[in-house]
Amino acid sequence: MHLAAAFNVPLVAVFGSTDNTTTYPLSDTARVVREPVDCAPCMKRECPTDHICMKAVKAEKVIATALDVQNTVTAEKSRSCSFR
């Protein structure tokens, strides 16, 4: 994720137990998907409960975010390639 962001590669980062406010990808073409839950960010490698921070993230939201990133990148490319 961070390497892709460094090279400005469009990406969707899914966050669960990690603190998205301190480890988010530094890129204009990156989007973060997460669902706020009471126990996150816990920063634990092993979940003591039921991984609700990840289970709460729905595939539909990740797909919609990825499509939004794709549409944004496509629109930016078409603007930069337009003839004047």
PDB file of N, CA and C in Angstrom:
ATOM      1  N   MET A   1       0.827  -1.183   0.000  1.00  0.00           N
ATOM      2  CA  MET A   1       0.000   0.000   0.000  1.00  0.00           C
ATOM      3  C   MET A   1       0.878   1.256   0.000  1.00  0.00           C
ATOM      4  N   HIS A   2       1.853   1.306   0.890  1.00  0.00           N
ATOM      5  CA  HIS A   2       2.672   2.507   0.984  1.00  0.00           C
ATOM      6  C   HIS A   2       3.576   2.669  -0.236  1.00  0.00           C
ATOM      7  N   LEU A   3       4.058   1.583  -0.774  1.00  0.00           N
ATOM      8  CA  LEU A   3       4.875   1.649  -1.983  1.00  0.00           C
ATOM      9  C   LEU A   3       4.032   2.130  -3.167  1.00  0.00           C
ATOM     10  N   ALA A   4       2.830   1.600  -3.291  1.00  0.00           N
ATOM     11  CA  ALA A   4       1.929   2.048  -4.359  1.00  0.00           C
ATOM     12  C   ALA A   4       1.629   3.539  -4.205  1.00  0.00           C
ATOM     13  N   ALA A   5       1.358   3.977  -2.990  1.00  0.00           N
ATOM     14  CA  ALA A   5       1.084   5.392  -2.744  1.00  0.00           C
ATOM     15  C   ALA A   5       2.296   6.257  -3.091  1.00  0.00           C
ATOM     16  N   ALA A   6       3.479   5.772  -2.783  1.00  0.00           N
ATOM     17  CA  ALA A   6       4.697   6.526  -3.072  1.00  0.00           C
ATOM     18  C   ALA A   6       4.875   6.755  -4.566  1.00  0.00           C
ATOM     19  N   PHE A   7       4.402   5.799  -5.371  1.00  0.00           N
ATOM     20  CA  PHE A   7       4.494   5.922  -6.824  1.00  0.00           C
ATOM     21  C   PHE A   7       3.193   6.425  -7.446  1.00  0.00           C
ATOM     22  N   ASN A   8       2.298   6.907  -6.591  1.00  0.00           N
ATOM     23  CA  ASN A   8       1.018   7.490  -7.017  1.00  0.00           C
ATOM     24  C   ASN A   8       0.157   6.520  -7.817  1.00  0.00           C
ATOM     25  N   VAL A   9       0.229   5.245  -7.446  1.00  0.00           N
ATOM     26  CA  VAL A   9      -0.613   4.227  -8.064  1.00  0.00           C
ATOM     27  C   VAL A   9      -1.978   4.271  -7.371  1.00  0.00           C
ATOM     28  N   PRO A  10      -3.064   4.364  -8.116  1.00  0.00           N
ATOM     29  CA  PRO A  10      -4.384   4.391  -7.487  1.00  0.00           C
ATOM     30  C   PRO A  10      -4.612   3.138  -6.644  1.00  0.00           C
ATOM     31  N   LEU A  11      -5.177   3.329  -5.446  1.00  0.00           N
ATOM     32  CA  LEU A  11      -5.386   2.183  -4.564  1.00  0.00           C
ATOM     33  C   LEU A  11      -6.528   2.415  -3.600  1.00  0.00           C
ATOM     34  N   VAL A  12      -7.042   1.310  -3.090  1.00  0.00           N
ATOM     35  CA  VAL A  12      -8.034   1.316  -2.020  1.00  0.00           C
ATOM     36  C   VAL A  12      -7.413   0.567  -0.853  1.00  0.00           C
ATOM     37  N   ALA A  13      -7.328   1.222   0.295  1.00  0.00           N
ATOM     38  CA  ALA A  13      -6.747   0.616   1.494  1.00  0.00           C
ATOM     39  C   ALA A  13      -7.878   0.285   2.466  1.00  0.00           C
ATOM     40  N   VAL A  14      -7.955  -0.974   2.865  1.00  0.00           N
ATOM     41  CA  VAL A  14      -8.967  -1.415   3.817  1.00  0.00           C
ATOM     42  C   VAL A  14      -8.317  -1.474   5.196  1.00  0.00           C
ATOM     43  N   PHE A  15      -8.882  -0.743   6.138  1.00  0.00           N
ATOM     44  CA  PHE A  15      -8.343  -0.688   7.488  1.00  0.00           C
ATOM     45  C   PHE A  15      -9.286  -1.357   8.469  1.00  0.00           C
ATOM     46  N   GLY A  16      -8.703  -2.058   9.418  1.00  0.00           N
ATOM     47  CA  GLY A  16      -9.458  -2.696  10.494  1.00  0.00           C
ATOM     48  C   GLY A  16      -8.883  -2.283  11.831  1.00  0.00           C
ATOM     49  N   SER A  17      -7.955  -3.083  12.352  1.00  0.00           N
ATOM     50  CA  SER A  17      -7.386  -2.802  13.669  1.00  0.00           C
ATOM     51  C   SER A  17      -6.297  -1.733  13.635  1.00  0.00           C
ATOM     52  N   THR A  18      -5.803  -1.406  12.458  1.00  0.00           N
ATOM     53  CA  THR A  18      -4.747  -0.415  12.330  1.00  0.00           C
ATOM     54  C   THR A  18      -5.331   0.997  12.379  1.00  0.00           C
ATOM     55  N   ASP A  19      -4.568   1.926  12.893  1.00  0.00           N
ATOM     56  CA  ASP A  19      -5.014   3.322  12.991  1.00  0.00           C
ATOM     57  C   ASP A  19      -4.866   4.005  11.639  1.00  0.00           C
ATOM     58  N   ASN A  20      -5.973   4.213  10.978  1.00  0.00           N
ATOM     59  CA  ASN A  20      -5.940   4.809   9.647  1.00  0.00           C
ATOM     60  C   ASN A  20      -5.522   6.280   9.672  1.00  0.00           C
ATOM     61  N   THR A  21      -5.588   6.924  10.820  1.00  0.00           N
ATOM     62  CA  THR A  21      -5.201   8.334  10.879  1.00  0.00           C
ATOM     63  C   THR A  21      -3.695   8.524  10.928  1.00  0.00           C
ATOM     64  N   THR A  22      -2.959   7.469  11.259  1.00  0.00           N
ATOM     65  CA  THR A  22      -1.503   7.594  11.331  1.00  0.00           C
ATOM     66  C   THR A  22      -0.778   6.756  10.279  1.00  0.00           C
ATOM     67  N   THR A  23      -1.456   5.781   9.683  1.00  0.00           N
ATOM     68  CA  THR A  23      -0.782   4.902   8.715  1.00  0.00           C
ATOM     69  C   THR A  23      -1.461   4.887   7.354  1.00  0.00           C
ATOM     70  N   TYR A  24      -2.254   5.906   7.068  1.00  0.00           N
ATOM     71  CA  TYR A  24      -2.953   5.955   5.787  1.00  0.00           C
ATOM     72  C   TYR A  24      -1.963   6.178   4.643  1.00  0.00           C
ATOM     73  N   PRO A  25      -2.356   5.816   3.419  1.00  0.00           N
ATOM     74  CA  PRO A  25      -1.473   6.029   2.267  1.00  0.00           C
ATOM     75  C   PRO A  25      -1.431   7.513   1.890  1.00  0.00           C
ATOM     76  N   LEU A  26      -0.239   8.046   1.736  1.00  0.00           N
ATOM     77  CA  LEU A  26      -0.067   9.457   1.383  1.00  0.00           C
ATOM     78  C   LEU A  26      -0.086   9.619  -0.132  1.00  0.00           C
ATOM     79  N   SER A  27      -1.287   9.714  -0.676  1.00  0.00           N
ATOM     80  CA  SER A  27      -1.444   9.840  -2.123  1.00  0.00           C
ATOM     81  C   SER A  27      -2.811  10.426  -2.434  1.00  0.00           C
ATOM     82  N   ASP A  28      -2.862  11.256  -3.451  1.00  0.00           N
ATOM     83  CA  ASP A  28      -4.146  11.811  -3.890  1.00  0.00           C
ATOM     84  C   ASP A  28      -5.018  10.764  -4.569  1.00  0.00           C
ATOM     85  N   THR A  29      -4.409   9.675  -5.026  1.00  0.00           N
ATOM     86  CA  THR A  29      -5.167   8.646  -5.727  1.00  0.00           C
ATOM     87  C   THR A  29      -5.533   7.471  -4.815  1.00  0.00           C
ATOM     88  N   ALA A  30      -5.340   7.635  -3.516  1.00  0.00           N
ATOM     89  CA  ALA A  30      -5.657   6.564  -2.561  1.00  0.00           C
ATOM     90  C   ALA A  30      -6.951   6.885  -1.821  1.00  0.00           C
ATOM     91  N   ARG A  31      -7.703   5.842  -1.529  1.00  0.00           N
ATOM     92  CA  ARG A  31      -8.918   5.973  -0.726  1.00  0.00           C
ATOM     93  C   ARG A  31      -8.853   4.953   0.395  1.00  0.00           C
ATOM     94  N   VAL A  32      -9.380   5.333   1.546  1.00  0.00           N
ATOM     95  CA  VAL A  32      -9.416   4.458   2.711  1.00  0.00           C
ATOM     96  C   VAL A  32     -10.844   3.986   2.935  1.00  0.00           C
ATOM     97  N   VAL A  33     -10.988   2.694   3.179  1.00  0.00           N
ATOM     98  CA  VAL A  33     -12.287   2.121   3.535  1.00  0.00           C
ATOM     99  C   VAL A  33     -12.152   1.512   4.921  1.00  0.00           C
ATOM    100  N   ARG A  34     -13.055   1.898   5.806  1.00  0.00           N
ATOM    101  CA  ARG A  34     -13.090   1.336   7.154  1.00  0.00           C
ATOM    102  C   ARG A  34     -14.475   1.579   7.723  1.00  0.00           C
ATOM    103  N   GLU A  35     -14.789   0.854   8.746  1.00  0.00           N
ATOM    104  CA  GLU A  35     -16.038   1.058   9.467  1.00  0.00           C
ATOM    105  C   GLU A  35     -15.684   1.327  10.925  1.00  0.00           C
ATOM    106  N   PRO A  36     -16.203   2.404  11.485  1.00  0.00           N
ATOM    107  CA  PRO A  36     -15.880   2.704  12.882  1.00  0.00           C
ATOM    108  C   PRO A  36     -16.535   1.698  13.832  1.00  0.00           C
ATOM    109  N   VAL A  37     -15.730   1.115  14.676  1.00  0.00           N
ATOM    110  CA  VAL A  37     -16.218   0.210  15.722  1.00  0.00           C
ATOM    111  C   VAL A  37     -15.545   0.621  17.030  1.00  0.00           C
ATOM    112  N   ASP A  38     -16.168   0.295  18.134  1.00  0.00           N
ATOM    113  CA  ASP A  38     -15.686   0.733  19.442  1.00  0.00           C
ATOM    114  C   ASP A  38     -14.272   0.271  19.772  1.00  0.00           C
ATOM    115  N   CYS A  39     -13.893  -0.894  19.321  1.00  0.00           N
ATOM    116  CA  CYS A  39     -12.597  -1.456  19.714  1.00  0.00           C
ATOM    117  C   CYS A  39     -11.449  -1.080  18.777  1.00  0.00           C
ATOM    118  N   ALA A  40     -11.732  -0.385  17.695  1.00  0.00           N
ATOM    119  CA  ALA A  40     -10.670  -0.045  16.736  1.00  0.00           C
ATOM    120  C   ALA A  40     -10.322   1.432  16.811  1.00  0.00           C
ATOM    121  N   PRO A  41      -9.098   1.812  16.655  1.00  0.00           N
ATOM    122  CA  PRO A  41      -7.982   0.935  16.341  1.00  0.00           C
ATOM    123  C   PRO A  41      -7.370   0.335  17.606  1.00  0.00           C
ATOM    124  N   CYS A  42      -7.210  -0.951  17.617  1.00  0.00           N
ATOM    125  CA  CYS A  42      -6.606  -1.619  18.771  1.00  0.00           C
ATOM    126  C   CYS A  42      -5.140  -1.937  18.520  1.00  0.00           C
ATOM    127  N   MET A  43      -4.754  -2.005  17.242  1.00  0.00           N
ATOM    128  CA  MET A  43      -3.375  -2.276  16.829  1.00  0.00           C
ATOM    129  C   MET A  43      -2.882  -3.665  17.233  1.00  0.00           C
ATOM    130  N   LYS A  44      -3.795  -4.577  17.512  1.00  0.00           N
ATOM    131  CA  LYS A  44      -3.405  -5.938  17.905  1.00  0.00           C
ATOM    132  C   LYS A  44      -3.279  -6.817  16.670  1.00  0.00           C
ATOM    133  N   ARG A  45      -2.282  -7.692  16.687  1.00  0.00           N
ATOM    134  CA  ARG A  45      -2.095  -8.635  15.582  1.00  0.00           C
ATOM    135  C   ARG A  45      -3.124  -9.758  15.638  1.00  0.00           C
ATOM    136  N   GLU A  46      -3.534 -10.137  16.831  1.00  0.00           N
ATOM    137  CA  GLU A  46      -4.528 -11.193  17.007  1.00  0.00           C
ATOM    138  C   GLU A  46      -5.730 -10.608  17.720  1.00  0.00           C
ATOM    139  N   CYS A  47      -6.909 -10.832  17.165  1.00  0.00           N
ATOM    140  CA  CYS A  47      -8.127 -10.254  17.713  1.00  0.00           C
ATOM    141  C   CYS A  47      -8.612 -11.061  18.920  1.00  0.00           C
ATOM    142  N   PRO A  48      -8.845 -10.379  20.056  1.00  0.00           N
ATOM    143  CA  PRO A  48      -9.352 -11.085  21.226  1.00  0.00           C
ATOM    144  C   PRO A  48     -10.864 -11.306  21.169  1.00  0.00           C
ATOM    145  N   THR A  49     -11.527 -10.717  20.161  1.00  0.00           N
ATOM    146  CA  THR A  49     -12.988 -10.873  20.061  1.00  0.00           C
ATOM    147  C   THR A  49     -13.362 -11.580  18.765  1.00  0.00           C
ATOM    148  N   ASP A  50     -13.913 -10.832  17.811  1.00  0.00           N
ATOM    149  CA  ASP A  50     -14.444 -11.493  16.612  1.00  0.00           C
ATOM    150  C   ASP A  50     -14.111 -10.791  15.292  1.00  0.00           C
ATOM    151  N   HIS A  51     -13.077  -9.981  15.265  1.00  0.00           N
ATOM    152  CA  HIS A  51     -12.664  -9.270  14.047  1.00  0.00           C
ATOM    153  C   HIS A  51     -13.771  -8.378  13.480  1.00  0.00           C
ATOM    154  N   ILE A  52     -14.571  -7.797  14.341  1.00  0.00           N
ATOM    155  CA  ILE A  52     -15.685  -6.968  13.871  1.00  0.00           C
ATOM    156  C   ILE A  52     -15.207  -5.797  13.022  1.00  0.00           C
ATOM    157  N   CYS A  53     -13.999  -5.305  13.281  1.00  0.00           N
ATOM    158  CA  CYS A  53     -13.474  -4.175  12.504  1.00  0.00           C
ATOM    159  C   CYS A  53     -13.330  -4.532  11.027  1.00  0.00           C
ATOM    160  N   MET A  54     -13.031  -5.788  10.729  1.00  0.00           N
ATOM    161  CA  MET A  54     -12.913  -6.224   9.342  1.00  0.00           C
ATOM    162  C   MET A  54     -14.230  -6.759   8.805  1.00  0.00           C
ATOM    163  N   LYS A  55     -14.973  -7.460   9.634  1.00  0.00           N
ATOM    164  CA  LYS A  55     -16.259  -7.998   9.188  1.00  0.00           C
ATOM    165  C   LYS A  55     -17.262  -6.898   8.868  1.00  0.00           C
ATOM    166  N   ALA A  56     -17.098  -5.741   9.507  1.00  0.00           N
ATOM    167  CA  ALA A  56     -18.026  -4.635   9.272  1.00  0.00           C
ATOM    168  C   ALA A  56     -17.804  -3.974   7.912  1.00  0.00           C
ATOM    169  N   VAL A  57     -16.627  -4.159   7.338  1.00  0.00           N
ATOM    170  CA  VAL A  57     -16.335  -3.601   6.015  1.00  0.00           C
ATOM    171  C   VAL A  57     -16.973  -4.512   4.970  1.00  0.00           C
ATOM    172  N   LYS A  58     -17.908  -3.969   4.257  1.00  0.00           N
ATOM    173  CA  LYS A  58     -18.640  -4.755   3.258  1.00  0.00           C
ATOM    174  C   LYS A  58     -17.961  -4.694   1.890  1.00  0.00           C
ATOM    175  N   ALA A  59     -17.993  -5.795   1.191  1.00  0.00           N
ATOM    176  CA  ALA A  59     -17.382  -5.873  -0.136  1.00  0.00           C
ATOM    177  C   ALA A  59     -17.970  -4.825  -1.077  1.00  0.00           C
ATOM    178  N   GLU A  60     -19.253  -4.573  -0.957  1.00  0.00           N
ATOM    179  CA  GLU A  60     -19.912  -3.588  -1.822  1.00  0.00           C
ATOM    180  C   GLU A  60     -19.285  -2.201  -1.661  1.00  0.00           C
ATOM    181  N   LYS A  61     -18.922  -1.851  -0.431  1.00  0.00           N
ATOM    182  CA  LYS A  61     -18.306  -0.548  -0.186  1.00  0.00           C
ATOM    183  C   LYS A  61     -16.901  -0.484  -0.779  1.00  0.00           C
ATOM    184  N   VAL A  62     -16.158  -1.576  -0.663  1.00  0.00           N
ATOM    185  CA  VAL A  62     -14.808  -1.620  -1.236  1.00  0.00           C
ATOM    186  C   VAL A  62     -14.895  -1.528  -2.753  1.00  0.00           C
ATOM    187  N   ILE A  63     -15.821  -2.256  -3.349  1.00  0.00           N
ATOM    188  CA  ILE A  63     -15.993  -2.227  -4.806  1.00  0.00           C
ATOM    189  C   ILE A  63     -16.414  -0.840  -5.269  1.00  0.00           C
ATOM    190  N   ALA A  64     -17.366  -0.229  -4.572  1.00  0.00           N
ATOM    191  CA  ALA A  64     -17.815   1.115  -4.936  1.00  0.00           C
ATOM    192  C   ALA A  64     -16.672   2.123  -4.835  1.00  0.00           C
ATOM    193  N   THR A  65     -15.850   1.984  -3.824  1.00  0.00           N
ATOM    194  CA  THR A  65     -14.704   2.878  -3.655  1.00  0.00           C
ATOM    195  C   THR A  65     -13.687   2.654  -4.765  1.00  0.00           C
ATOM    196  N   ALA A  66     -13.436   1.404  -5.112  1.00  0.00           N
ATOM    197  CA  ALA A  66     -12.503   1.093  -6.199  1.00  0.00           C
ATOM    198  C   ALA A  66     -13.008   1.654  -7.530  1.00  0.00           C
ATOM    199  N   LEU A  67     -14.290   1.533  -7.775  1.00  0.00           N
ATOM    200  CA  LEU A  67     -14.870   2.090  -9.005  1.00  0.00           C
ATOM    201  C   LEU A  67     -14.765   3.608  -9.016  1.00  0.00           C
ATOM    202  N   ASP A  68     -14.941   4.237  -7.860  1.00  0.00           N
ATOM    203  CA  ASP A  68     -14.795   5.684  -7.759  1.00  0.00           C
ATOM    204  C   ASP A  68     -13.354   6.101  -8.072  1.00  0.00           C
ATOM    205  N   VAL A  69     -12.396   5.363  -7.540  1.00  0.00           N
ATOM    206  CA  VAL A  69     -10.986   5.641  -7.830  1.00  0.00           C
ATOM    207  C   VAL A  69     -10.730   5.482  -9.323  1.00  0.00           C
ATOM    208  N   GLN A  70     -11.239   4.409  -9.900  1.00  0.00           N
ATOM    209  CA  GLN A  70     -11.050   4.169 -11.329  1.00  0.00           C
ATOM    210  C   GLN A  70     -11.664   5.291 -12.165  1.00  0.00           C
ATOM    211  N   ASN A  71     -12.868   5.701 -11.829  1.00  0.00           N
ATOM    212  CA  ASN A  71     -13.534   6.774 -12.572  1.00  0.00           C
ATOM    213  C   ASN A  71     -12.787   8.094 -12.438  1.00  0.00           C
ATOM    214  N   THR A  72     -12.278   8.365 -11.255  1.00  0.00           N
ATOM    215  CA  THR A  72     -11.518   9.597 -11.036  1.00  0.00           C
ATOM    216  C   THR A  72     -10.247   9.603 -11.863  1.00  0.00           C
ATOM    217  N   VAL A  73      -9.530   8.502 -11.848  1.00  0.00           N
ATOM    218  CA  VAL A  73      -8.282   8.404 -12.616  1.00  0.00           C
ATOM    219  C   VAL A  73      -8.575   8.501 -14.108  1.00  0.00           C
ATOM    220  N   THR A  74      -9.613   7.835 -14.564  1.00  0.00           N
ATOM    221  CA  THR A  74      -9.978   7.874 -15.984  1.00  0.00           C
ATOM    222  C   THR A  74     -10.352   9.291 -16.410  1.00  0.00           C
ATOM    223  N   ALA A  75     -11.116   9.981 -15.582  1.00  0.00           N
ATOM    224  CA  ALA A  75     -11.513  11.358 -15.898  1.00  0.00           C
ATOM    225  C   ALA A  75     -10.298  12.280 -15.944  1.00  0.00           C
ATOM    226  N   GLU A  76      -9.374  12.095 -15.018  1.00  0.00           N
ATOM    227  CA  GLU A  76      -8.168  12.921 -15.000  1.00  0.00           C
ATOM    228  C   GLU A  76      -7.311  12.665 -16.230  1.00  0.00           C
ATOM    229  N   LYS A  77      -7.213  11.396 -16.640  1.00  0.00           N
ATOM    230  CA  LYS A  77      -6.428  11.068 -17.835  1.00  0.00           C
ATOM    231  C   LYS A  77      -7.063  11.669 -19.083  1.00  0.00           C
ATOM    232  N   SER A  78      -8.394  11.606 -19.183  1.00  0.00           N
ATOM    233  CA  SER A  78      -9.046  12.140 -20.382  1.00  0.00           C
ATOM    234  C   SER A  78      -8.921  13.662 -20.436  1.00  0.00           C
ATOM    235  N   ARG A  79      -8.898  14.327 -19.278  1.00  0.00           N
ATOM    236  CA  ARG A  79      -8.705  15.789 -19.275  1.00  0.00           C
ATOM    237  C   ARG A  79      -7.285  16.149 -19.707  1.00  0.00           C
ATOM    238  N   SER A  80      -6.311  15.358 -19.272  1.00  0.00           N
ATOM    239  CA  SER A  80      -4.918  15.666 -19.595  1.00  0.00           C
ATOM    240  C   SER A  80      -4.579  15.306 -21.034  1.00  0.00           C
ATOM    241  N   CYS A  81      -5.372  14.447 -21.665  1.00  0.00           N
ATOM    242  CA  CYS A  81      -5.100  14.028 -23.040  1.00  0.00           C
ATOM    243  C   CYS A  81      -5.978  14.736 -24.074  1.00  0.00           C
ATOM    244  N   SER A  82      -6.833  15.636 -23.625  1.00  0.00           N
ATOM    245  CA  SER A  82      -7.748  16.277 -24.566  1.00  0.00           C
ATOM    246  C   SER A  82      -6.996  17.255 -25.455  1.00  0.00           C
ATOM    247  N   PHE A  83      -7.472  17.360 -26.669  1.00  0.00           N
ATOM    248  CA  PHE A  83      -6.876  18.285 -27.627  1.00  0.00           C
ATOM    249  C   PHE A  83      -7.468  19.665 -27.432  1.00  0.00           C
ATOM    250  N   ARG A  84      -6.652  20.662 -27.653  1.00  0.00           N
ATOM    251  CA  ARG A  84      -7.135  22.042 -27.469  1.00  0.00           C
ATOM    252  C   ARG A  84      -7.236  22.750 -28.783  1.00  0.00           C
TER     253      ARG A  84
END
